[in-house]
Amino acid sequence: MHTIDSLAHRLSSYLPPEQIQSIR
């Protein structure tokens, strides 16, 4: 099952931290 943490980990490969935070 998808979680916000697993998505954030996946996004870290191509998005900067501040943008990942806005998605959170």
mmCIF file of all heavy atoms, coordinates in Angstrom:
data_MODEL
# 
_entry.id   MODEL 
# 
loop_
_atom_site.group_PDB 
_atom_site.id 
_atom_site.type_symbol 
_atom_site.label_atom_id 
_atom_site.label_alt_id 
_atom_site.label_comp_id 
_atom_site.label_asym_id 
_atom_site.label_entity_id 
_atom_site.label_seq_id 
_atom_site.pdbx_PDB_ins_code 
_atom_site.Cartn_x 
_atom_site.Cartn_y 
_atom_site.Cartn_z 
_atom_site.occupancy 
_atom_site.B_iso_or_equiv 
_atom_site.pdbx_formal_charge 
_atom_site.auth_seq_id 
_atom_site.auth_comp_id 
_atom_site.auth_asym_id 
_atom_site.auth_atom_id 
_atom_site.pdbx_PDB_model_num 
ATOM 1   N N   . MET A 1 1  ? 0.846  -1.209 0.000   1.00 0.00 ? 1  MET A N   1 
ATOM 2   C CA  . MET A 1 1  ? 0.000  0.000  0.000   1.00 0.00 ? 1  MET A CA  1 
ATOM 3   C C   . MET A 1 1  ? 0.882  1.260  0.000   1.00 0.00 ? 1  MET A C   1 
ATOM 4   O O   . MET A 1 1  ? 1.914  1.313  0.649   1.00 0.00 ? 1  MET A O   1 
ATOM 5   C CB  . MET A 1 1  ? -0.887 -0.017 1.253   1.00 0.00 ? 1  MET A CB  1 
ATOM 6   C CG  . MET A 1 1  ? -1.899 1.109  1.299   1.00 0.00 ? 1  MET A CG  1 
ATOM 7   S SD  . MET A 1 1  ? -2.998 0.922  2.714   1.00 0.00 ? 1  MET A SD  1 
ATOM 8   C CE  . MET A 1 1  ? -3.842 2.483  2.673   1.00 0.00 ? 1  MET A CE  1 
ATOM 9   N N   . HIS A 1 2  ? 0.443  2.266  -0.795  1.00 0.00 ? 2  HIS A N   1 
ATOM 10  C CA  . HIS A 1 2  ? 1.227  3.500  -0.893  1.00 0.00 ? 2  HIS A CA  1 
ATOM 11  C C   . HIS A 1 2  ? 1.134  4.309  0.399   1.00 0.00 ? 2  HIS A C   1 
ATOM 12  O O   . HIS A 1 2  ? 0.084  4.363  1.043   1.00 0.00 ? 2  HIS A O   1 
ATOM 13  C CB  . HIS A 1 2  ? 0.706  4.368  -2.050  1.00 0.00 ? 2  HIS A CB  1 
ATOM 14  C CG  . HIS A 1 2  ? 0.726  3.679  -3.368  1.00 0.00 ? 2  HIS A CG  1 
ATOM 15  N ND1 . HIS A 1 2  ? 1.893  3.285  -3.972  1.00 0.00 ? 2  HIS A ND1 1 
ATOM 16  C CD2 . HIS A 1 2  ? -0.289 3.316  -4.208  1.00 0.00 ? 2  HIS A CD2 1 
ATOM 17  C CE1 . HIS A 1 2  ? 1.597  2.698  -5.129  1.00 0.00 ? 2  HIS A CE1 1 
ATOM 18  N NE2 . HIS A 1 2  ? 0.289  2.705  -5.289  1.00 0.00 ? 2  HIS A NE2 1 
ATOM 19  N N   . THR A 1 3  ? 2.243  4.950  0.781   1.00 0.00 ? 3  THR A N   1 
ATOM 20  C CA  . THR A 1 3  ? 2.250  5.892  1.906   1.00 0.00 ? 3  THR A CA  1 
ATOM 21  C C   . THR A 1 3  ? 2.926  7.166  1.441   1.00 0.00 ? 3  THR A C   1 
ATOM 22  O O   . THR A 1 3  ? 3.664  7.162  0.444   1.00 0.00 ? 3  THR A O   1 
ATOM 23  C CB  . THR A 1 3  ? 3.016  5.326  3.118   1.00 0.00 ? 3  THR A CB  1 
ATOM 24  O OG1 . THR A 1 3  ? 4.402  5.181  2.761   1.00 0.00 ? 3  THR A OG1 1 
ATOM 25  C CG2 . THR A 1 3  ? 2.443  3.979  3.561   1.00 0.00 ? 3  THR A CG2 1 
ATOM 26  N N   . ILE A 1 4  ? 2.722  8.252  2.156   1.00 0.00 ? 4  ILE A N   1 
ATOM 27  C CA  . ILE A 1 4  ? 3.354  9.518  1.797   1.00 0.00 ? 4  ILE A CA  1 
ATOM 28  C C   . ILE A 1 4  ? 4.872  9.422  1.948   1.00 0.00 ? 4  ILE A C   1 
ATOM 29  O O   . ILE A 1 4  ? 5.621  10.028 1.176   1.00 0.00 ? 4  ILE A O   1 
ATOM 30  C CB  . ILE A 1 4  ? 2.774  10.688 2.629   1.00 0.00 ? 4  ILE A CB  1 
ATOM 31  C CG1 . ILE A 1 4  ? 3.339  12.031 2.148   1.00 0.00 ? 4  ILE A CG1 1 
ATOM 32  C CG2 . ILE A 1 4  ? 3.031  10.489 4.110   1.00 0.00 ? 4  ILE A CG2 1 
ATOM 33  C CD1 . ILE A 1 4  ? 3.036  12.376 0.712   1.00 0.00 ? 4  ILE A CD1 1 
ATOM 34  N N   . ASP A 1 5  ? 5.349  8.605  2.903   1.00 0.00 ? 5  ASP A N   1 
ATOM 35  C CA  . ASP A 1 5  ? 6.801  8.450  3.091   1.00 0.00 ? 5  ASP A CA  1 
ATOM 36  C C   . ASP A 1 5  ? 7.434  7.713  1.920   1.00 0.00 ? 5  ASP A C   1 
ATOM 37  O O   . ASP A 1 5  ? 8.505  8.098  1.437   1.00 0.00 ? 5  ASP A O   1 
ATOM 38  C CB  . ASP A 1 5  ? 7.093  7.703  4.398   1.00 0.00 ? 5  ASP A CB  1 
ATOM 39  C CG  . ASP A 1 5  ? 6.739  8.542  5.622   1.00 0.00 ? 5  ASP A CG  1 
ATOM 40  O OD1 . ASP A 1 5  ? 6.841  9.791  5.522   1.00 0.00 ? 5  ASP A OD1 1 
ATOM 41  O OD2 . ASP A 1 5  ? 6.347  7.962  6.647   1.00 0.00 ? 5  ASP A OD2 1 
ATOM 42  N N   . SER A 1 6  ? 6.768  6.654  1.437   1.00 0.00 ? 6  SER A N   1 
ATOM 43  C CA  . SER A 1 6  ? 7.319  5.911  0.291   1.00 0.00 ? 6  SER A CA  1 
ATOM 44  C C   . SER A 1 6  ? 7.312  6.780  -0.957  1.00 0.00 ? 6  SER A C   1 
ATOM 45  O O   . SER A 1 6  ? 8.234  6.730  -1.778  1.00 0.00 ? 6  SER A O   1 
ATOM 46  C CB  . SER A 1 6  ? 6.528  4.622  0.057   1.00 0.00 ? 6  SER A CB  1 
ATOM 47  O OG  . SER A 1 6  ? 5.180  4.924  -0.282  1.00 0.00 ? 6  SER A OG  1 
ATOM 48  N N   . LEU A 1 7  ? 6.271  7.614  -1.122  1.00 0.00 ? 7  LEU A N   1 
ATOM 49  C CA  . LEU A 1 7  ? 6.228  8.532  -2.264  1.00 0.00 ? 7  LEU A CA  1 
ATOM 50  C C   . LEU A 1 7  ? 7.352  9.562  -2.159  1.00 0.00 ? 7  LEU A C   1 
ATOM 51  O O   . LEU A 1 7  ? 8.041  9.850  -3.153  1.00 0.00 ? 7  LEU A O   1 
ATOM 52  C CB  . LEU A 1 7  ? 4.869  9.233  -2.321  1.00 0.00 ? 7  LEU A CB  1 
ATOM 53  C CG  . LEU A 1 7  ? 4.708  10.302 -3.420  1.00 0.00 ? 7  LEU A CG  1 
ATOM 54  C CD1 . LEU A 1 7  ? 4.878  9.702  -4.806  1.00 0.00 ? 7  LEU A CD1 1 
ATOM 55  C CD2 . LEU A 1 7  ? 3.356  11.013 -3.309  1.00 0.00 ? 7  LEU A CD2 1 
ATOM 56  N N   . ALA A 1 8  ? 7.555  10.129 -0.951  1.00 0.00 ? 8  ALA A N   1 
ATOM 57  C CA  . ALA A 1 8  ? 8.610  11.132 -0.759  1.00 0.00 ? 8  ALA A CA  1 
ATOM 58  C C   . ALA A 1 8  ? 9.983  10.541 -1.067  1.00 0.00 ? 8  ALA A C   1 
ATOM 59  O O   . ALA A 1 8  ? 10.834 11.203 -1.684  1.00 0.00 ? 8  ALA A O   1 
ATOM 60  C CB  . ALA A 1 8  ? 8.575  11.652 0.675   1.00 0.00 ? 8  ALA A CB  1 
ATOM 61  N N   . HIS A 1 9  ? 10.189 9.294  -0.689  1.00 0.00 ? 9  HIS A N   1 
ATOM 62  C CA  . HIS A 1 9  ? 11.466 8.626  -0.980  1.00 0.00 ? 9  HIS A CA  1 
ATOM 63  C C   . HIS A 1 9  ? 11.665 8.507  -2.492  1.00 0.00 ? 9  HIS A C   1 
ATOM 64  O O   . HIS A 1 9  ? 12.768 8.739  -3.013  1.00 0.00 ? 9  HIS A O   1 
ATOM 65  C CB  . HIS A 1 9  ? 11.486 7.248  -0.311  1.00 0.00 ? 9  HIS A CB  1 
ATOM 66  C CG  . HIS A 1 9  ? 12.735 6.478  -0.605  1.00 0.00 ? 9  HIS A CG  1 
ATOM 67  N ND1 . HIS A 1 9  ? 13.962 6.809  -0.054  1.00 0.00 ? 9  HIS A ND1 1 
ATOM 68  C CD2 . HIS A 1 9  ? 12.961 5.400  -1.422  1.00 0.00 ? 9  HIS A CD2 1 
ATOM 69  C CE1 . HIS A 1 9  ? 14.888 5.972  -0.507  1.00 0.00 ? 9  HIS A CE1 1 
ATOM 70  N NE2 . HIS A 1 9  ? 14.285 5.105  -1.338  1.00 0.00 ? 9  HIS A NE2 1 
ATOM 71  N N   . ARG A 1 10 ? 10.591 8.168  -3.191  1.00 0.00 ? 10 ARG A N   1 
ATOM 72  C CA  . ARG A 1 10 ? 10.665 8.029  -4.654  1.00 0.00 ? 10 ARG A CA  1 
ATOM 73  C C   . ARG A 1 10 ? 10.936 9.376  -5.319  1.00 0.00 ? 10 ARG A C   1 
ATOM 74  O O   . ARG A 1 10 ? 11.700 9.465  -6.280  1.00 0.00 ? 10 ARG A O   1 
ATOM 75  C CB  . ARG A 1 10 ? 9.342  7.447  -5.159  1.00 0.00 ? 10 ARG A CB  1 
ATOM 76  C CG  . ARG A 1 10 ? 9.322  7.087  -6.615  1.00 0.00 ? 10 ARG A CG  1 
ATOM 77  C CD  . ARG A 1 10 ? 8.041  6.358  -6.949  1.00 0.00 ? 10 ARG A CD  1 
ATOM 78  N NE  . ARG A 1 10 ? 8.041  5.882  -8.312  1.00 0.00 ? 10 ARG A NE  1 
ATOM 79  C CZ  . ARG A 1 10 ? 7.060  5.142  -8.830  1.00 0.00 ? 10 ARG A CZ  1 
ATOM 80  N NH1 . ARG A 1 10 ? 6.034  4.795  -8.073  1.00 0.00 ? 10 ARG A NH1 1 
ATOM 81  N NH2 . ARG A 1 10 ? 7.120  4.748  -10.082 1.00 0.00 ? 10 ARG A NH2 1 
ATOM 82  N N   . LEU A 1 11 ? 10.325 10.432 -4.802  1.00 0.00 ? 11 LEU A N   1 
ATOM 83  C CA  . LEU A 1 11 ? 10.477 11.770 -5.393  1.00 0.00 ? 11 LEU A CA  1 
ATOM 84  C C   . LEU A 1 11 ? 11.875 12.343 -5.158  1.00 0.00 ? 11 LEU A C   1 
ATOM 85  O O   . LEU A 1 11 ? 12.333 13.199 -5.925  1.00 0.00 ? 11 LEU A O   1 
ATOM 86  C CB  . LEU A 1 11 ? 9.433  12.729 -4.812  1.00 0.00 ? 11 LEU A CB  1 
ATOM 87  C CG  . LEU A 1 11 ? 7.964  12.428 -5.134  1.00 0.00 ? 11 LEU A CG  1 
ATOM 88  C CD1 . LEU A 1 11 ? 7.051  13.402 -4.402  1.00 0.00 ? 11 LEU A CD1 1 
ATOM 89  C CD2 . LEU A 1 11 ? 7.709  12.496 -6.634  1.00 0.00 ? 11 LEU A CD2 1 
ATOM 90  N N   . SER A 1 12 ? 12.563 11.858 -4.121  1.00 0.00 ? 12 SER A N   1 
ATOM 91  C CA  . SER A 1 12 ? 13.892 12.404 -3.792  1.00 0.00 ? 12 SER A CA  1 
ATOM 92  C C   . SER A 1 12 ? 14.910 12.155 -4.893  1.00 0.00 ? 12 SER A C   1 
ATOM 93  O O   . SER A 1 12 ? 15.952 12.803 -4.943  1.00 0.00 ? 12 SER A O   1 
ATOM 94  C CB  . SER A 1 12 ? 14.397 11.805 -2.473  1.00 0.00 ? 12 SER A CB  1 
ATOM 95  O OG  . SER A 1 12 ? 14.556 10.403 -2.600  1.00 0.00 ? 12 SER A OG  1 
ATOM 96  N N   . SER A 1 13 ? 14.580 11.244 -5.832  1.00 0.00 ? 13 SER A N   1 
ATOM 97  C CA  . SER A 1 13 ? 15.514 10.958 -6.929  1.00 0.00 ? 13 SER A CA  1 
ATOM 98  C C   . SER A 1 13 ? 15.532 12.063 -7.981  1.00 0.00 ? 13 SER A C   1 
ATOM 99  O O   . SER A 1 13 ? 16.469 12.157 -8.769  1.00 0.00 ? 13 SER A O   1 
ATOM 100 C CB  . SER A 1 13 ? 15.156 9.624  -7.595  1.00 0.00 ? 13 SER A CB  1 
ATOM 101 O OG  . SER A 1 13 ? 13.875 9.713  -8.190  1.00 0.00 ? 13 SER A OG  1 
ATOM 102 N N   . TYR A 1 14 ? 14.466 12.923 -7.993  1.00 0.00 ? 14 TYR A N   1 
ATOM 103 C CA  . TYR A 1 14 ? 14.477 13.970 -9.027  1.00 0.00 ? 14 TYR A CA  1 
ATOM 104 C C   . TYR A 1 14 ? 13.925 15.326 -8.576  1.00 0.00 ? 14 TYR A C   1 
ATOM 105 O O   . TYR A 1 14 ? 13.953 16.295 -9.342  1.00 0.00 ? 14 TYR A O   1 
ATOM 106 C CB  . TYR A 1 14 ? 13.739 13.482 -10.294 1.00 0.00 ? 14 TYR A CB  1 
ATOM 107 C CG  . TYR A 1 14 ? 12.230 13.448 -10.204 1.00 0.00 ? 14 TYR A CG  1 
ATOM 108 C CD1 . TYR A 1 14 ? 11.459 14.514 -10.663 1.00 0.00 ? 14 TYR A CD1 1 
ATOM 109 C CD2 . TYR A 1 14 ? 11.567 12.343 -9.687  1.00 0.00 ? 14 TYR A CD2 1 
ATOM 110 C CE1 . TYR A 1 14 ? 10.086 14.483 -10.607 1.00 0.00 ? 14 TYR A CE1 1 
ATOM 111 C CE2 . TYR A 1 14 ? 10.187 12.294 -9.624  1.00 0.00 ? 14 TYR A CE2 1 
ATOM 112 C CZ  . TYR A 1 14 ? 9.438  13.365 -10.093 1.00 0.00 ? 14 TYR A CZ  1 
ATOM 113 O OH  . TYR A 1 14 ? 8.064  13.328 -10.044 1.00 0.00 ? 14 TYR A OH  1 
ATOM 114 N N   . LEU A 1 15 ? 13.392 15.421 -7.363  1.00 0.00 ? 15 LEU A N   1 
ATOM 115 C CA  . LEU A 1 15 ? 12.880 16.713 -6.888  1.00 0.00 ? 15 LEU A CA  1 
ATOM 116 C C   . LEU A 1 15 ? 13.661 17.183 -5.658  1.00 0.00 ? 15 LEU A C   1 
ATOM 117 O O   . LEU A 1 15 ? 14.076 16.368 -4.831  1.00 0.00 ? 15 LEU A O   1 
ATOM 118 C CB  . LEU A 1 15 ? 11.397 16.587 -6.507  1.00 0.00 ? 15 LEU A CB  1 
ATOM 119 C CG  . LEU A 1 15 ? 10.369 16.507 -7.635  1.00 0.00 ? 15 LEU A CG  1 
ATOM 120 C CD1 . LEU A 1 15 ? 8.966  16.431 -7.046  1.00 0.00 ? 15 LEU A CD1 1 
ATOM 121 C CD2 . LEU A 1 15 ? 10.463 17.671 -8.601  1.00 0.00 ? 15 LEU A CD2 1 
ATOM 122 N N   . PRO A 1 16 ? 13.867 18.503 -5.492  1.00 0.00 ? 16 PRO A N   1 
ATOM 123 C CA  . PRO A 1 16 ? 14.564 19.035 -4.312  1.00 0.00 ? 16 PRO A CA  1 
ATOM 124 C C   . PRO A 1 16 ? 13.687 18.922 -3.066  1.00 0.00 ? 16 PRO A C   1 
ATOM 125 O O   . PRO A 1 16 ? 12.457 18.857 -3.169  1.00 0.00 ? 16 PRO A O   1 
ATOM 126 C CB  . PRO A 1 16 ? 14.824 20.497 -4.682  1.00 0.00 ? 16 PRO A CB  1 
ATOM 127 C CG  . PRO A 1 16 ? 13.789 20.824 -5.703  1.00 0.00 ? 16 PRO A CG  1 
ATOM 128 C CD  . PRO A 1 16 ? 13.521 19.568 -6.463  1.00 0.00 ? 16 PRO A CD  1 
ATOM 129 N N   . PRO A 1 17 ? 14.292 18.944 -1.871  1.00 0.00 ? 17 PRO A N   1 
ATOM 130 C CA  . PRO A 1 17 ? 13.553 18.740 -0.615  1.00 0.00 ? 17 PRO A CA  1 
ATOM 131 C C   . PRO A 1 17 ? 12.395 19.716 -0.402  1.00 0.00 ? 17 PRO A C   1 
ATOM 132 O O   . PRO A 1 17 ? 11.328 19.318 0.074   1.00 0.00 ? 17 PRO A O   1 
ATOM 133 C CB  . PRO A 1 17 ? 14.634 18.927 0.458   1.00 0.00 ? 17 PRO A CB  1 
ATOM 134 C CG  . PRO A 1 17 ? 15.916 18.615 -0.236  1.00 0.00 ? 17 PRO A CG  1 
ATOM 135 C CD  . PRO A 1 17 ? 15.749 19.052 -1.642  1.00 0.00 ? 17 PRO A CD  1 
ATOM 136 N N   . GLU A 1 18 ? 12.585 21.008 -0.753  1.00 0.00 ? 18 GLU A N   1 
ATOM 137 C CA  . GLU A 1 18 ? 11.514 21.982 -0.484  1.00 0.00 ? 18 GLU A CA  1 
ATOM 138 C C   . GLU A 1 18 ? 10.259 21.686 -1.327  1.00 0.00 ? 18 GLU A C   1 
ATOM 139 O O   . GLU A 1 18 ? 9.132  21.929 -0.905  1.00 0.00 ? 18 GLU A O   1 
ATOM 140 C CB  . GLU A 1 18 ? 11.994 23.423 -0.715  1.00 0.00 ? 18 GLU A CB  1 
ATOM 141 C CG  . GLU A 1 18 ? 12.450 23.755 -2.131  1.00 0.00 ? 18 GLU A CG  1 
ATOM 142 C CD  . GLU A 1 18 ? 13.940 23.476 -2.353  1.00 0.00 ? 18 GLU A CD  1 
ATOM 143 O OE1 . GLU A 1 18 ? 14.532 22.702 -1.567  1.00 0.00 ? 18 GLU A OE1 1 
ATOM 144 O OE2 . GLU A 1 18 ? 14.493 24.047 -3.317  1.00 0.00 ? 18 GLU A OE2 1 
ATOM 145 N N   . GLN A 1 19 ? 10.468 21.148 -2.545  1.00 0.00 ? 19 GLN A N   1 
ATOM 146 C CA  . GLN A 1 19 ? 9.315  20.804 -3.375  1.00 0.00 ? 19 GLN A CA  1 
ATOM 147 C C   . GLN A 1 19 ? 8.610  19.558 -2.844  1.00 0.00 ? 19 GLN A C   1 
ATOM 148 O O   . GLN A 1 19 ? 7.376  19.464 -2.877  1.00 0.00 ? 19 GLN A O   1 
ATOM 149 C CB  . GLN A 1 19 ? 9.752  20.601 -4.833  1.00 0.00 ? 19 GLN A CB  1 
ATOM 150 C CG  . GLN A 1 19 ? 10.224 21.890 -5.491  1.00 0.00 ? 19 GLN A CG  1 
ATOM 151 C CD  . GLN A 1 19 ? 10.588 21.708 -6.961  1.00 0.00 ? 19 GLN A CD  1 
ATOM 152 O OE1 . GLN A 1 19 ? 10.489 20.614 -7.497  1.00 0.00 ? 19 GLN A OE1 1 
ATOM 153 N NE2 . GLN A 1 19 ? 11.021 22.784 -7.598  1.00 0.00 ? 19 GLN A NE2 1 
ATOM 154 N N   . ILE A 1 20 ? 9.397  18.592 -2.352  1.00 0.00 ? 20 ILE A N   1 
ATOM 155 C CA  . ILE A 1 20 ? 8.806  17.392 -1.743  1.00 0.00 ? 20 ILE A CA  1 
ATOM 156 C C   . ILE A 1 20 ? 7.986  17.784 -0.518  1.00 0.00 ? 20 ILE A C   1 
ATOM 157 O O   . ILE A 1 20 ? 6.902  17.245 -0.273  1.00 0.00 ? 20 ILE A O   1 
ATOM 158 C CB  . ILE A 1 20 ? 9.907  16.364 -1.370  1.00 0.00 ? 20 ILE A CB  1 
ATOM 159 C CG1 . ILE A 1 20 ? 10.629 15.892 -2.639  1.00 0.00 ? 20 ILE A CG1 1 
ATOM 160 C CG2 . ILE A 1 20 ? 9.312  15.177 -0.615  1.00 0.00 ? 20 ILE A CG2 1 
ATOM 161 C CD1 . ILE A 1 20 ? 11.830 15.003 -2.380  1.00 0.00 ? 20 ILE A CD1 1 
ATOM 162 N N   . GLN A 1 21 ? 8.488  18.769 0.225   1.00 0.00 ? 21 GLN A N   1 
ATOM 163 C CA  . GLN A 1 21 ? 7.780  19.226 1.421   1.00 0.00 ? 21 GLN A CA  1 
ATOM 164 C C   . GLN A 1 21 ? 6.428  19.842 1.052   1.00 0.00 ? 21 GLN A C   1 
ATOM 165 O O   . GLN A 1 21 ? 5.428  19.651 1.753   1.00 0.00 ? 21 GLN A O   1 
ATOM 166 C CB  . GLN A 1 21 ? 8.644  20.248 2.177   1.00 0.00 ? 21 GLN A CB  1 
ATOM 167 C CG  . GLN A 1 21 ? 8.098  20.647 3.551   1.00 0.00 ? 21 GLN A CG  1 
ATOM 168 C CD  . GLN A 1 21 ? 7.871  19.458 4.480   1.00 0.00 ? 21 GLN A CD  1 
ATOM 169 O OE1 . GLN A 1 21 ? 8.645  18.499 4.470   1.00 0.00 ? 21 GLN A OE1 1 
ATOM 170 N NE2 . GLN A 1 21 ? 6.789  19.501 5.263   1.00 0.00 ? 21 GLN A NE2 1 
ATOM 171 N N   . SER A 1 22 ? 6.387  20.575 -0.079  1.00 0.00 ? 22 SER A N   1 
ATOM 172 C CA  . SER A 1 22 ? 5.115  21.180 -0.504  1.00 0.00 ? 22 SER A CA  1 
ATOM 173 C C   . SER A 1 22 ? 4.109  20.088 -0.889  1.00 0.00 ? 22 SER A C   1 
ATOM 174 O O   . SER A 1 22 ? 2.896  20.243 -0.682  1.00 0.00 ? 22 SER A O   1 
ATOM 175 C CB  . SER A 1 22 ? 5.336  22.141 -1.675  1.00 0.00 ? 22 SER A CB  1 
ATOM 176 O OG  . SER A 1 22 ? 5.652  21.433 -2.862  1.00 0.00 ? 22 SER A OG  1 
ATOM 177 N N   . ILE A 1 23 ? 4.607  18.964 -1.437  1.00 0.00 ? 23 ILE A N   1 
ATOM 178 C CA  . ILE A 1 23 ? 3.725  17.834 -1.780  1.00 0.00 ? 23 ILE A CA  1 
ATOM 179 C C   . ILE A 1 23 ? 3.209  17.164 -0.506  1.00 0.00 ? 23 ILE A C   1 
ATOM 180 O O   . ILE A 1 23 ? 2.040  16.769 -0.418  1.00 0.00 ? 23 ILE A O   1 
ATOM 181 C CB  . ILE A 1 23 ? 4.475  16.828 -2.681  1.00 0.00 ? 23 ILE A CB  1 
ATOM 182 C CG1 . ILE A 1 23 ? 4.807  17.489 -4.037  1.00 0.00 ? 23 ILE A CG1 1 
ATOM 183 C CG2 . ILE A 1 23 ? 3.653  15.558 -2.906  1.00 0.00 ? 23 ILE A CG2 1 
ATOM 184 C CD1 . ILE A 1 23 ? 5.832  16.758 -4.858  1.00 0.00 ? 23 ILE A CD1 1 
ATOM 185 N N   . ARG A 1 24 ? 4.098  17.047 0.510   1.00 0.00 ? 24 ARG A N   1 
ATOM 186 C CA  . ARG A 1 24 ? 3.669  16.509 1.809   1.00 0.00 ? 24 ARG A CA  1 
ATOM 187 C C   . ARG A 1 24 ? 2.551  17.378 2.397   1.00 0.00 ? 24 ARG A C   1 
ATOM 188 O O   . ARG A 1 24 ? 1.545  16.871 2.921   1.00 0.00 ? 24 ARG A O   1 
ATOM 189 C CB  . ARG A 1 24 ? 4.854  16.485 2.791   1.00 0.00 ? 24 ARG A CB  1 
ATOM 190 C CG  . ARG A 1 24 ? 5.763  15.269 2.664   1.00 0.00 ? 24 ARG A CG  1 
ATOM 191 C CD  . ARG A 1 24 ? 6.863  15.373 3.732   1.00 0.00 ? 24 ARG A CD  1 
ATOM 192 N NE  . ARG A 1 24 ? 7.748  14.241 3.708   1.00 0.00 ? 24 ARG A NE  1 
ATOM 193 C CZ  . ARG A 1 24 ? 7.515  13.078 4.324   1.00 0.00 ? 24 ARG A CZ  1 
ATOM 194 N NH1 . ARG A 1 24 ? 6.394  12.910 5.015   1.00 0.00 ? 24 ARG A NH1 1 
ATOM 195 N NH2 . ARG A 1 24 ? 8.390  12.092 4.261   1.00 0.00 ? 24 ARG A NH2 1 
# 
